[in-house]
Amino acid sequence: DFDGNRGHLGITDSGKTYMITSLDQVWEDCTPIGQPLNAYVTVA
């Protein structure tokens, strides 16, 4: 992120999005409202 923090994003087969960070090493659900189950996810 803009503050230089690092982490990981995980996408499940059921369409859920989870995030874990170096600040808090616990996976947390951050699924966007309305996220399509079959959407391809790309990160840049």
PDB file of all heavy atoms in Angstrom:
ATOM      1  N   ASP A   1       0.828  -1.202   0.000  1.00  0.00           N
ATOM      2  CA  ASP A   1       0.000   0.000   0.000  1.00  0.00           C
ATOM      3  C   ASP A   1       0.866   1.257   0.000  1.00  0.00           C
ATOM      4  O   ASP A   1       2.096   1.197  -0.003  1.00  0.00           O
ATOM      5  CB  ASP A   1      -1.008  -0.003   1.152  1.00  0.00           C
ATOM      6  CG  ASP A   1      -0.377   0.087   2.529  1.00  0.00           C
ATOM      7  OD1 ASP A   1       0.832   0.413   2.624  1.00  0.00           O
ATOM      8  OD2 ASP A   1      -1.084  -0.154   3.531  1.00  0.00           O
ATOM      9  N   PHE A   2       0.208   2.422  -0.015  1.00  0.00           N
ATOM     10  CA  PHE A   2       0.909   3.702  -0.112  1.00  0.00           C
ATOM     11  C   PHE A   2       1.870   3.925   1.054  1.00  0.00           C
ATOM     12  O   PHE A   2       2.832   4.685   0.944  1.00  0.00           O
ATOM     13  CB  PHE A   2      -0.094   4.857  -0.167  1.00  0.00           C
ATOM     14  CG  PHE A   2      -0.815   4.971  -1.491  1.00  0.00           C
ATOM     15  CD1 PHE A   2      -2.175   4.749  -1.568  1.00  0.00           C
ATOM     16  CD2 PHE A   2      -0.122   5.296  -2.646  1.00  0.00           C
ATOM     17  CE1 PHE A   2      -2.849   4.868  -2.785  1.00  0.00           C
ATOM     18  CE2 PHE A   2      -0.782   5.411  -3.865  1.00  0.00           C
ATOM     19  CZ  PHE A   2      -2.155   5.200  -3.927  1.00  0.00           C
ATOM     20  N   ASP A   3       1.604   3.284   2.197  1.00  0.00           N
ATOM     21  CA  ASP A   3       2.453   3.468   3.378  1.00  0.00           C
ATOM     22  C   ASP A   3       3.622   2.485   3.426  1.00  0.00           C
ATOM     23  O   ASP A   3       4.380   2.478   4.398  1.00  0.00           O
ATOM     24  CB  ASP A   3       1.610   3.325   4.652  1.00  0.00           C
ATOM     25  CG  ASP A   3       0.560   4.417   4.770  1.00  0.00           C
ATOM     26  OD1 ASP A   3       0.865   5.570   4.383  1.00  0.00           O
ATOM     27  OD2 ASP A   3      -0.557   4.127   5.233  1.00  0.00           O
ATOM     28  N   GLY A   4       3.734   1.636   2.413  1.00  0.00           N
ATOM     29  CA  GLY A   4       4.833   0.686   2.367  1.00  0.00           C
ATOM     30  C   GLY A   4       4.571  -0.611   3.104  1.00  0.00           C
ATOM     31  O   GLY A   4       5.469  -1.452   3.227  1.00  0.00           O
ATOM     32  N   ASN A   5       3.351  -0.792   3.612  1.00  0.00           N
ATOM     33  CA  ASN A   5       3.001  -2.048   4.268  1.00  0.00           C
ATOM     34  C   ASN A   5       2.858  -3.155   3.220  1.00  0.00           C
ATOM     35  O   ASN A   5       2.493  -2.890   2.070  1.00  0.00           O
ATOM     36  CB  ASN A   5       1.683  -1.897   5.041  1.00  0.00           C
ATOM     37  CG  ASN A   5       1.759  -0.827   6.102  1.00  0.00           C
ATOM     38  OD1 ASN A   5       2.721  -0.758   6.870  1.00  0.00           O
ATOM     39  ND2 ASN A   5       0.757   0.041   6.163  1.00  0.00           N
ATOM     40  N   ARG A   6       3.101  -4.386   3.649  1.00  0.00           N
ATOM     41  CA  ARG A   6       3.023  -5.517   2.719  1.00  0.00           C
ATOM     42  C   ARG A   6       2.063  -6.584   3.242  1.00  0.00           C
ATOM     43  O   ARG A   6       1.825  -6.686   4.441  1.00  0.00           O
ATOM     44  CB  ARG A   6       4.407  -6.116   2.482  1.00  0.00           C
ATOM     45  CG  ARG A   6       5.360  -5.158   1.779  1.00  0.00           C
ATOM     46  CD  ARG A   6       6.689  -5.801   1.454  1.00  0.00           C
ATOM     47  NE  ARG A   6       7.565  -4.889   0.729  1.00  0.00           N
ATOM     48  CZ  ARG A   6       7.553  -4.714  -0.593  1.00  0.00           C
ATOM     49  NH1 ARG A   6       6.703  -5.414  -1.323  1.00  0.00           N
ATOM     50  NH2 ARG A   6       8.382  -3.871  -1.182  1.00  0.00           N
ATOM     51  N   GLY A   7       1.541  -7.364   2.313  1.00  0.00           N
ATOM     52  CA  GLY A   7       0.623  -8.423   2.690  1.00  0.00           C
ATOM     53  C   GLY A   7       0.319  -9.323   1.506  1.00  0.00           C
ATOM     54  O   GLY A   7       1.005  -9.284   0.487  1.00  0.00           O
ATOM     55  N   HIS A   8      -0.733 -10.129   1.664  1.00  0.00           N
ATOM     56  CA  HIS A   8      -1.139 -11.051   0.606  1.00  0.00           C
ATOM     57  C   HIS A   8      -2.656 -11.035   0.478  1.00  0.00           C
ATOM     58  O   HIS A   8      -3.384 -10.818   1.456  1.00  0.00           O
ATOM     59  CB  HIS A   8      -0.676 -12.470   0.904  1.00  0.00           C
ATOM     60  CG  HIS A   8       0.813 -12.612   0.981  1.00  0.00           C
ATOM     61  ND1 HIS A   8       1.627 -12.645  -0.134  1.00  0.00           N
ATOM     62  CD2 HIS A   8       1.632 -12.717   2.052  1.00  0.00           C
ATOM     63  CE1 HIS A   8       2.883 -12.763   0.241  1.00  0.00           C
ATOM     64  NE2 HIS A   8       2.922 -12.811   1.562  1.00  0.00           N
ATOM     65  N   LEU A   9      -3.115 -11.305  -0.736  1.00  0.00           N
ATOM     66  CA  LEU A   9      -4.541 -11.418  -1.022  1.00  0.00           C
ATOM     67  C   LEU A   9      -4.813 -12.834  -1.498  1.00  0.00           C
ATOM     68  O   LEU A   9      -4.080 -13.354  -2.348  1.00  0.00           O
ATOM     69  CB  LEU A   9      -4.941 -10.416  -2.101  1.00  0.00           C
ATOM     70  CG  LEU A   9      -6.435 -10.137  -2.277  1.00  0.00           C
ATOM     71  CD1 LEU A   9      -6.923  -9.237  -1.142  1.00  0.00           C
ATOM     72  CD2 LEU A   9      -6.696  -9.454  -3.623  1.00  0.00           C
ATOM     73  N   GLY A  10      -5.837 -13.458  -0.951  1.00  0.00           N
ATOM     74  CA  GLY A  10      -6.204 -14.810  -1.349  1.00  0.00           C
ATOM     75  C   GLY A  10      -7.635 -14.863  -1.829  1.00  0.00           C
ATOM     76  O   GLY A  10      -8.510 -14.216  -1.241  1.00  0.00           O
ATOM     77  N   ILE A  11      -7.884 -15.610  -2.899  1.00  0.00           N
ATOM     78  CA  ILE A  11      -9.229 -15.764  -3.458  1.00  0.00           C
ATOM     79  C   ILE A  11      -9.622 -17.230  -3.358  1.00  0.00           C
ATOM     80  O   ILE A  11      -8.887 -18.113  -3.813  1.00  0.00           O
ATOM     81  CB  ILE A  11      -9.295 -15.314  -4.929  1.00  0.00           C
ATOM     82  CG1 ILE A  11      -8.604 -13.963  -5.126  1.00  0.00           C
ATOM     83  CG2 ILE A  11     -10.731 -15.284  -5.409  1.00  0.00           C
ATOM     84  CD1 ILE A  11      -9.267 -12.812  -4.431  1.00  0.00           C
ATOM     85  N   THR A  12     -10.769 -17.521  -2.769  1.00  0.00           N
ATOM     86  CA  THR A  12     -11.211 -18.903  -2.617  1.00  0.00           C
ATOM     87  C   THR A  12     -12.063 -19.338  -3.802  1.00  0.00           C
ATOM     88  O   THR A  12     -12.543 -18.514  -4.583  1.00  0.00           O
ATOM     89  CB  THR A  12     -12.033 -19.079  -1.325  1.00  0.00           C
ATOM     90  OG1 THR A  12     -13.303 -18.413  -1.479  1.00  0.00           O
ATOM     91  CG2 THR A  12     -11.298 -18.487  -0.129  1.00  0.00           C
ATOM     92  N   ASP A  13     -12.267 -20.644  -3.929  1.00  0.00           N
ATOM     93  CA  ASP A  13     -13.108 -21.179  -5.000  1.00  0.00           C
ATOM     94  C   ASP A  13     -14.547 -20.706  -4.874  1.00  0.00           C
ATOM     95  O   ASP A  13     -15.278 -20.664  -5.858  1.00  0.00           O
ATOM     96  CB  ASP A  13     -13.066 -22.711  -4.986  1.00  0.00           C
ATOM     97  CG  ASP A  13     -11.724 -23.264  -5.429  1.00  0.00           C
ATOM     98  OD1 ASP A  13     -10.975 -22.529  -6.088  1.00  0.00           O
ATOM     99  OD2 ASP A  13     -11.417 -24.430  -5.102  1.00  0.00           O
ATOM    100  N   SER A  14     -14.954 -20.358  -3.665  1.00  0.00           N
ATOM    101  CA  SER A  14     -16.327 -19.898  -3.446  1.00  0.00           C
ATOM    102  C   SER A  14     -16.484 -18.399  -3.690  1.00  0.00           C
ATOM    103  O   SER A  14     -17.558 -17.838  -3.469  1.00  0.00           O
ATOM    104  CB  SER A  14     -16.773 -20.236  -2.018  1.00  0.00           C
ATOM    105  OG  SER A  14     -15.941 -19.589  -1.068  1.00  0.00           O
ATOM    106  N   GLY A  15     -15.392 -17.743  -4.157  1.00  0.00           N
ATOM    107  CA  GLY A  15     -15.496 -16.331  -4.500  1.00  0.00           C
ATOM    108  C   GLY A  15     -15.223 -15.371  -3.367  1.00  0.00           C
ATOM    109  O   GLY A  15     -15.453 -14.173  -3.507  1.00  0.00           O
ATOM    110  N   LYS A  16     -14.725 -15.838  -2.238  1.00  0.00           N
ATOM    111  CA  LYS A  16     -14.391 -14.969  -1.119  1.00  0.00           C
ATOM    112  C   LYS A  16     -12.977 -14.408  -1.284  1.00  0.00           C
ATOM    113  O   LYS A  16     -12.093 -15.066  -1.829  1.00  0.00           O
ATOM    114  CB  LYS A  16     -14.476 -15.736   0.202  1.00  0.00           C
ATOM    115  CG  LYS A  16     -15.887 -16.113   0.629  1.00  0.00           C
ATOM    116  CD  LYS A  16     -16.633 -14.899   1.164  1.00  0.00           C
ATOM    117  CE  LYS A  16     -17.956 -15.296   1.799  1.00  0.00           C
ATOM    118  NZ  LYS A  16     -18.675 -14.114   2.345  1.00  0.00           N
ATOM    119  N   THR A  17     -12.762 -13.196  -0.787  1.00  0.00           N
ATOM    120  CA  THR A  17     -11.447 -12.561  -0.811  1.00  0.00           C
ATOM    121  C   THR A  17     -10.963 -12.370   0.618  1.00  0.00           C
ATOM    122  O   THR A  17     -11.703 -11.843   1.462  1.00  0.00           O
ATOM    123  CB  THR A  17     -11.505 -11.190  -1.505  1.00  0.00           C
ATOM    124  OG1 THR A  17     -11.920 -11.366  -2.864  1.00  0.00           O
ATOM    125  CG2 THR A  17     -10.144 -10.512  -1.501  1.00  0.00           C
ATOM    126  N   TYR A  18      -9.721 -12.797   0.888  1.00  0.00           N
ATOM    127  CA  TYR A  18      -9.145 -12.664   2.228  1.00  0.00           C
ATOM    128  C   TYR A  18      -7.810 -11.938   2.135  1.00  0.00           C
ATOM    129  O   TYR A  18      -7.094 -12.039   1.130  1.00  0.00           O
ATOM    130  CB  TYR A  18      -8.943 -14.042   2.864  1.00  0.00           C
ATOM    131  CG  TYR A  18     -10.237 -14.731   3.239  1.00  0.00           C
ATOM    132  CD1 TYR A  18     -10.903 -15.533   2.306  1.00  0.00           C
ATOM    133  CD2 TYR A  18     -10.785 -14.582   4.508  1.00  0.00           C
ATOM    134  CE1 TYR A  18     -12.084 -16.170   2.638  1.00  0.00           C
ATOM    135  CE2 TYR A  18     -11.976 -15.225   4.851  1.00  0.00           C
ATOM    136  CZ  TYR A  18     -12.619 -16.008   3.913  1.00  0.00           C
ATOM    137  OH  TYR A  18     -13.795 -16.632   4.237  1.00  0.00           O
ATOM    138  N   MET A  19      -7.472 -11.213   3.208  1.00  0.00           N
ATOM    139  CA  MET A  19      -6.215 -10.468   3.260  1.00  0.00           C
ATOM    140  C   MET A  19      -5.467 -10.789   4.540  1.00  0.00           C
ATOM    141  O   MET A  19      -6.067 -10.945   5.606  1.00  0.00           O
ATOM    142  CB  MET A  19      -6.496  -8.956   3.189  1.00  0.00           C
ATOM    143  CG  MET A  19      -5.251  -8.104   2.962  1.00  0.00           C
ATOM    144  SD  MET A  19      -5.592  -6.296   3.031  1.00  0.00           S
ATOM    145  CE  MET A  19      -6.833  -6.141   1.742  1.00  0.00           C
ATOM    146  N   ILE A  20      -4.147 -10.901   4.410  1.00  0.00           N
ATOM    147  CA  ILE A  20      -3.267 -11.056   5.559  1.00  0.00           C
ATOM    148  C   ILE A  20      -2.121 -10.070   5.369  1.00  0.00           C
ATOM    149  O   ILE A  20      -1.718  -9.798   4.234  1.00  0.00           O
ATOM    150  CB  ILE A  20      -2.745 -12.503   5.686  1.00  0.00           C
ATOM    151  CG1 ILE A  20      -2.028 -12.726   7.020  1.00  0.00           C
ATOM    152  CG2 ILE A  20      -1.844 -12.865   4.522  1.00  0.00           C
ATOM    153  CD1 ILE A  20      -1.676 -14.195   7.281  1.00  0.00           C
ATOM    154  N   THR A  21      -1.610  -9.496   6.453  1.00  0.00           N
ATOM    155  CA  THR A  21      -0.572  -8.487   6.330  1.00  0.00           C
ATOM    156  C   THR A  21       0.569  -8.754   7.300  1.00  0.00           C
ATOM    157  O   THR A  21       0.436  -9.548   8.241  1.00  0.00           O
ATOM    158  CB  THR A  21      -1.125  -7.076   6.613  1.00  0.00           C
ATOM    159  OG1 THR A  21      -1.367  -6.931   8.016  1.00  0.00           O
ATOM    160  CG2 THR A  21      -2.426  -6.832   5.848  1.00  0.00           C
ATOM    161  N   SER A  22       1.682  -8.069   7.062  1.00  0.00           N
ATOM    162  CA  SER A  22       2.820  -8.177   7.975  1.00  0.00           C
ATOM    163  C   SER A  22       2.496  -7.526   9.317  1.00  0.00           C
ATOM    164  O   SER A  22       3.121  -7.834  10.329  1.00  0.00           O
ATOM    165  CB  SER A  22       4.047  -7.506   7.356  1.00  0.00           C
ATOM    166  OG  SER A  22       3.776  -6.149   7.036  1.00  0.00           O
ATOM    167  N   LEU A  23       1.492  -6.646   9.351  1.00  0.00           N
ATOM    168  CA  LEU A  23       1.098  -5.986  10.587  1.00  0.00           C
ATOM    169  C   LEU A  23       0.179  -6.860  11.429  1.00  0.00           C
ATOM    170  O   LEU A  23       0.193  -6.786  12.652  1.00  0.00           O
ATOM    171  CB  LEU A  23       0.373  -4.664  10.267  1.00  0.00           C
ATOM    172  CG  LEU A  23       1.172  -3.626   9.467  1.00  0.00           C
ATOM    173  CD1 LEU A  23       0.261  -2.465   9.067  1.00  0.00           C
ATOM    174  CD2 LEU A  23       2.356  -3.129  10.274  1.00  0.00           C
ATOM    175  N   ASP A  24      -0.635  -7.676  10.770  1.00  0.00           N
ATOM    176  CA  ASP A  24      -1.612  -8.527  11.455  1.00  0.00           C
ATOM    177  C   ASP A  24      -1.710  -9.836  10.685  1.00  0.00           C
ATOM    178  O   ASP A  24      -2.390  -9.917   9.674  1.00  0.00           O
ATOM    179  CB  ASP A  24      -2.966  -7.814  11.509  1.00  0.00           C
ATOM    180  CG  ASP A  24      -4.016  -8.610  12.269  1.00  0.00           C
ATOM    181  OD1 ASP A  24      -3.676  -9.690  12.800  1.00  0.00           O
ATOM    182  OD2 ASP A  24      -5.172  -8.167  12.320  1.00  0.00           O
ATOM    183  N   GLN A  25      -1.023 -10.864  11.194  1.00  0.00           N
ATOM    184  CA  GLN A  25      -0.889 -12.103  10.438  1.00  0.00           C
ATOM    185  C   GLN A  25      -2.049 -13.064  10.686  1.00  0.00           C
ATOM    186  O   GLN A  25      -1.874 -14.233  11.047  1.00  0.00           O
ATOM    187  CB  GLN A  25       0.453 -12.751  10.770  1.00  0.00           C
ATOM    188  CG  GLN A  25       1.631 -11.867  10.358  1.00  0.00           C
ATOM    189  CD  GLN A  25       2.982 -12.484  10.662  1.00  0.00           C
ATOM    190  OE1 GLN A  25       3.113 -13.698  10.773  1.00  0.00           O
ATOM    191  NE2 GLN A  25       4.000 -11.655  10.798  1.00  0.00           N
ATOM    192  N   VAL A  26      -3.255 -12.549  10.459  1.00  0.00           N
ATOM    193  CA  VAL A  26      -4.485 -13.334  10.528  1.00  0.00           C
ATOM    194  C   VAL A  26      -5.297 -13.033   9.272  1.00  0.00           C
ATOM    195  O   VAL A  26      -5.504 -11.865   8.922  1.00  0.00           O
ATOM    196  CB  VAL A  26      -5.319 -12.973  11.786  1.00  0.00           C
ATOM    197  CG1 VAL A  26      -6.647 -13.737  11.778  1.00  0.00           C
ATOM    198  CG2 VAL A  26      -4.529 -13.276  13.047  1.00  0.00           C
ATOM    199  N   TRP A  27      -5.728 -14.085   8.581  1.00  0.00           N
ATOM    200  CA  TRP A  27      -6.541 -13.879   7.384  1.00  0.00           C
ATOM    201  C   TRP A  27      -7.881 -13.260   7.762  1.00  0.00           C
ATOM    202  O   TRP A  27      -8.543 -13.715   8.684  1.00  0.00           O
ATOM    203  CB  TRP A  27      -6.773 -15.198   6.667  1.00  0.00           C
ATOM    204  CG  TRP A  27      -5.564 -15.736   5.968  1.00  0.00           C
ATOM    205  CD1 TRP A  27      -4.724 -16.713   6.421  1.00  0.00           C
ATOM    206  CD2 TRP A  27      -5.048 -15.311   4.698  1.00  0.00           C
ATOM    207  NE1 TRP A  27      -3.721 -16.937   5.515  1.00  0.00           N
ATOM    208  CE2 TRP A  27      -3.887 -16.091   4.442  1.00  0.00           C
ATOM    209  CE3 TRP A  27      -5.444 -14.368   3.763  1.00  0.00           C
ATOM    210  CZ2 TRP A  27      -3.142 -15.948   3.285  1.00  0.00           C
ATOM    211  CZ3 TRP A  27      -4.690 -14.222   2.600  1.00  0.00           C
ATOM    212  CH2 TRP A  27      -3.557 -15.003   2.370  1.00  0.00           C
ATOM    213  N   GLU A  28      -8.281 -12.219   7.019  1.00  0.00           N
ATOM    214  CA  GLU A  28      -9.549 -11.551   7.293  1.00  0.00           C
ATOM    215  C   GLU A  28     -10.332 -11.372   6.003  1.00  0.00           C
ATOM    216  O   GLU A  28      -9.771 -11.014   4.956  1.00  0.00           O
ATOM    217  CB  GLU A  28      -9.299 -10.186   7.947  1.00  0.00           C
ATOM    218  CG  GLU A  28     -10.571  -9.513   8.432  1.00  0.00           C
ATOM    219  CD  GLU A  28     -10.298  -8.378   9.408  1.00  0.00           C
ATOM    220  OE1 GLU A  28      -9.264  -8.440  10.107  1.00  0.00           O
ATOM    221  OE2 GLU A  28     -11.105  -7.456   9.462  1.00  0.00           O
ATOM    222  N   ASP A  29     -11.636 -11.610   6.084  1.00  0.00           N
ATOM    223  CA  ASP A  29     -12.508 -11.497   4.918  1.00  0.00           C
ATOM    224  C   ASP A  29     -12.640 -10.025   4.510  1.00  0.00           C
ATOM    225  O   ASP A  29     -13.039  -9.179   5.295  1.00  0.00           O
ATOM    226  CB  ASP A  29     -13.890 -12.071   5.276  1.00  0.00           C
ATOM    227  CG  ASP A  29     -14.809 -12.198   4.067  1.00  0.00           C
ATOM    228  OD1 ASP A  29     -14.547 -11.552   3.038  1.00  0.00           O
ATOM    229  OD2 ASP A  29     -15.805 -12.941   4.166  1.00  0.00           O
ATOM    230  N   CYS A  30     -12.284  -9.723   3.253  1.00  0.00           N
ATOM    231  CA  CYS A  30     -12.451  -8.358   2.736  1.00  0.00           C
ATOM    232  C   CYS A  30     -13.166  -8.396   1.394  1.00  0.00           C
ATOM    233  O   CYS A  30     -12.923  -7.568   0.513  1.00  0.00           O
ATOM    234  CB  CYS A  30     -11.095  -7.660   2.623  1.00  0.00           C
ATOM    235  SG  CYS A  30      -9.916  -8.461   1.506  1.00  0.00           S
ATOM    236  N   THR A  31     -14.064  -9.378   1.239  1.00  0.00           N
ATOM    237  CA  THR A  31     -14.762  -9.581  -0.024  1.00  0.00           C
ATOM    238  C   THR A  31     -15.577  -8.350  -0.407  1.00  0.00           C
ATOM    239  O   THR A  31     -16.411  -7.889   0.371  1.00  0.00           O
ATOM    240  CB  THR A  31     -15.709 -10.790   0.082  1.00  0.00           C
ATOM    241  OG1 THR A  31     -14.985 -11.930   0.543  1.00  0.00           O
ATOM    242  CG2 THR A  31     -16.350 -11.091  -1.262  1.00  0.00           C
ATOM    243  N   PRO A  32     -15.351  -7.789  -1.610  1.00  0.00           N
ATOM    244  CA  PRO A  32     -16.170  -6.653  -2.046  1.00  0.00           C
ATOM    245  C   PRO A  32     -17.630  -7.067  -2.219  1.00  0.00           C
ATOM    246  O   PRO A  32     -17.912  -8.176  -2.673  1.00  0.00           O
ATOM    247  CB  PRO A  32     -15.550  -6.266  -3.396  1.00  0.00           C
ATOM    248  CG  PRO A  32     -14.192  -6.873  -3.401  1.00  0.00           C
ATOM    249  CD  PRO A  32     -14.302  -8.128  -2.592  1.00  0.00           C
ATOM    250  N   ILE A  33     -18.521  -6.191  -1.846  1.00  0.00           N
ATOM    251  CA  ILE A  33     -19.957  -6.463  -1.998  1.00  0.00           C
ATOM    252  C   ILE A  33     -20.278  -6.651  -3.480  1.00  0.00           C
ATOM    253  O   ILE A  33     -19.941  -5.805  -4.312  1.00  0.00           O
ATOM    254  CB  ILE A  33     -20.803  -5.322  -1.414  1.00  0.00           C
ATOM    255  CG1 ILE A  33     -20.570  -5.217   0.094  1.00  0.00           C
ATOM    256  CG2 ILE A  33     -22.281  -5.535  -1.714  1.00  0.00           C
ATOM    257  CD1 ILE A  33     -21.250  -4.033   0.748  1.00  0.00           C
ATOM    258  N   GLY A  34     -20.901  -7.763  -3.796  1.00  0.00           N
ATOM    259  CA  GLY A  34     -21.286  -8.034  -5.178  1.00  0.00           C
ATOM    260  C   GLY A  34     -20.213  -8.691  -6.012  1.00  0.00           C
ATOM    261  O   GLY A  34     -20.384  -8.865  -7.219  1.00  0.00           O
ATOM    262  N   GLN A  35     -19.093  -9.090  -5.388  1.00  0.00           N
ATOM    263  CA  GLN A  35     -17.995  -9.710  -6.140  1.00  0.00           C
ATOM    264  C   GLN A  35     -18.494 -10.953  -6.879  1.00  0.00           C
ATOM    265  O   GLN A  35     -19.024 -11.879  -6.271  1.00  0.00           O
ATOM    266  CB  GLN A  35     -16.872 -10.101  -5.197  1.00  0.00           C
ATOM    267  CG  GLN A  35     -15.760 -10.902  -5.862  1.00  0.00           C
ATOM    268  CD  GLN A  35     -14.759 -11.459  -4.854  1.00  0.00           C
ATOM    269  OE1 GLN A  35     -14.505 -10.855  -3.836  1.00  0.00           O
ATOM    270  NE2 GLN A  35     -14.195 -12.628  -5.155  1.00  0.00           N
ATOM    271  N   PRO A  36     -18.354 -11.005  -8.207  1.00  0.00           N
ATOM    272  CA  PRO A  36     -18.792 -12.187  -8.955  1.00  0.00           C
ATOM    273  C   PRO A  36     -17.939 -13.403  -8.604  1.00  0.00           C
ATOM    274  O   PRO A  36     -16.726 -13.297  -8.435  1.00  0.00           O
ATOM    275  CB  PRO A  36     -18.570 -11.773 -10.417  1.00  0.00           C
ATOM    276  CG  PRO A  36     -18.451 -10.289 -10.401  1.00  0.00           C
ATOM    277  CD  PRO A  36     -17.853  -9.940  -9.083  1.00  0.00           C
ATOM    278  N   LEU A  37     -18.573 -14.557  -8.498  1.00  0.00           N
ATOM    279  CA  LEU A  37     -17.847 -15.769  -8.148  1.00  0.00           C
ATOM    280  C   LEU A  37     -16.849 -16.166  -9.219  1.00  0.00           C
ATOM    281  O   LEU A  37     -15.804 -16.750  -8.927  1.00  0.00           O
ATOM    282  CB  LEU A  37     -18.839 -16.914  -7.912  1.00  0.00           C
ATOM    283  CG  LEU A  37     -19.837 -16.751  -6.759  1.00  0.00           C
ATOM    284  CD1 LEU A  37     -20.726 -17.983  -6.655  1.00  0.00           C
ATOM    285  CD2 LEU A  37     -19.107 -16.523  -5.447  1.00  0.00           C
ATOM    286  N   ASN A  38     -17.176 -15.858 -10.489  1.00  0.00           N
ATOM    287  CA  ASN A  38     -16.333 -16.314 -11.601  1.00  0.00           C
ATOM    288  C   ASN A  38     -15.406 -15.224 -12.125  1.00  0.00           C
ATOM    289  O   ASN A  38     -14.827 -15.369 -13.203  1.00  0.00           O
ATOM    290  CB  ASN A  38     -17.210 -16.835 -12.737  1.00  0.00           C
ATOM    291  CG  ASN A  38     -18.159 -15.774 -13.283  1.00  0.00           C
ATOM    292  OD1 ASN A  38     -18.341 -14.727 -12.652  1.00  0.00           O
ATOM    293  ND2 ASN A  38     -18.762 -16.043 -14.422  1.00  0.00           N
ATOM    294  N   ALA A  39     -15.244 -14.132 -11.400  1.00  0.00           N
ATOM    295  CA  ALA A  39     -14.388 -13.039 -11.879  1.00  0.00           C
ATOM    296  C   ALA A  39     -12.926 -13.435 -11.800  1.00  0.00           C
ATOM    297  O   ALA A  39     -12.471 -13.991 -10.797  1.00  0.00           O
ATOM    298  CB  ALA A  39     -14.636 -11.782 -11.050  1.00  0.00           C
ATOM    299  N   TYR A  40     -12.189 -13.168 -12.873  1.00  0.00           N
ATOM    300  CA  TYR A  40     -10.738 -13.312 -12.823  1.00  0.00           C
ATOM    301  C   TYR A  40     -10.170 -12.147 -12.028  1.00  0.00           C
ATOM    302  O   TYR A  40     -10.604 -11.004 -12.167  1.00  0.00           O
ATOM    303  CB  TYR A  40     -10.139 -13.305 -14.224  1.00  0.00           C
ATOM    304  CG  TYR A  40     -10.299 -14.604 -14.974  1.00  0.00           C
ATOM    305  CD1 TYR A  40     -11.066 -14.674 -16.130  1.00  0.00           C
ATOM    306  CD2 TYR A  40      -9.660 -15.759 -14.534  1.00  0.00           C
ATOM    307  CE1 TYR A  40     -11.202 -15.867 -16.833  1.00  0.00           C
ATOM    308  CE2 TYR A  40      -9.789 -16.959 -15.226  1.00  0.00           C
ATOM    309  CZ  TYR A  40     -10.563 -17.004 -16.370  1.00  0.00           C
ATOM    310  OH  TYR A  40     -10.691 -18.193 -17.044  1.00  0.00           O
ATOM    311  N   VAL A  41      -9.180 -12.432 -11.188  1.00  0.00           N
ATOM    312  CA  VAL A  41      -8.558 -11.393 -10.375  1.00  0.00           C
ATOM    313  C   VAL A  41      -7.121 -11.193 -10.854  1.00  0.00           C
ATOM    314  O   VAL A  41      -6.363 -12.152 -10.979  1.00  0.00           O
ATOM    315  CB  VAL A  41      -8.566 -11.765  -8.879  1.00  0.00           C
ATOM    316  CG1 VAL A  41      -7.876 -10.676  -8.052  1.00  0.00           C
ATOM    317  CG2 VAL A  41      -9.992 -11.968  -8.389  1.00  0.00           C
ATOM    318  N   THR A  42      -6.766  -9.943 -11.133  1.00  0.00           N
ATOM    319  CA  THR A  42      -5.391  -9.601 -11.482  1.00  0.00           C
ATOM    320  C   THR A  42      -4.934  -8.463 -10.580  1.00  0.00           C
ATOM    321  O   THR A  42      -5.727  -7.600 -10.207  1.00  0.00           O
ATOM    322  CB  THR A  42      -5.249  -9.192 -12.962  1.00  0.00           C
ATOM    323  OG1 THR A  42      -6.266  -8.239 -13.297  1.00  0.00           O
ATOM    324  CG2 THR A  42      -5.387 -10.404 -13.865  1.00  0.00           C
ATOM    325  N   VAL A  43      -3.659  -8.486 -10.228  1.00  0.00           N
ATOM    326  CA  VAL A  43      -3.092  -7.496  -9.311  1.00  0.00           C
ATOM    327  C   VAL A  43      -1.867  -6.864  -9.962  1.00  0.00           C
ATOM    328  O   VAL A  43      -1.060  -7.565 -10.583  1.00  0.00           O
ATOM    329  CB  VAL A  43      -2.707  -8.141  -7.962  1.00  0.00           C
ATOM    330  CG1 VAL A  43      -2.018  -7.132  -7.053  1.00  0.00           C
ATOM    331  CG2 VAL A  43      -3.946  -8.712  -7.275  1.00  0.00           C
ATOM    332  N   ALA A  44      -1.735  -5.556  -9.837  1.00  0.00           N
ATOM    333  CA  ALA A  44      -0.582  -4.852 -10.398  1.00  0.00           C
ATOM    334  C   ALA A  44      -0.109  -3.794  -9.412  1.00  0.00           C
ATOM    335  O   ALA A  44      -0.915  -3.227  -8.668  1.00  0.00           O
ATOM    336  CB  ALA A  44      -0.950  -4.192 -11.725  1.00  0.00           C
TER     337      ALA A  44
END
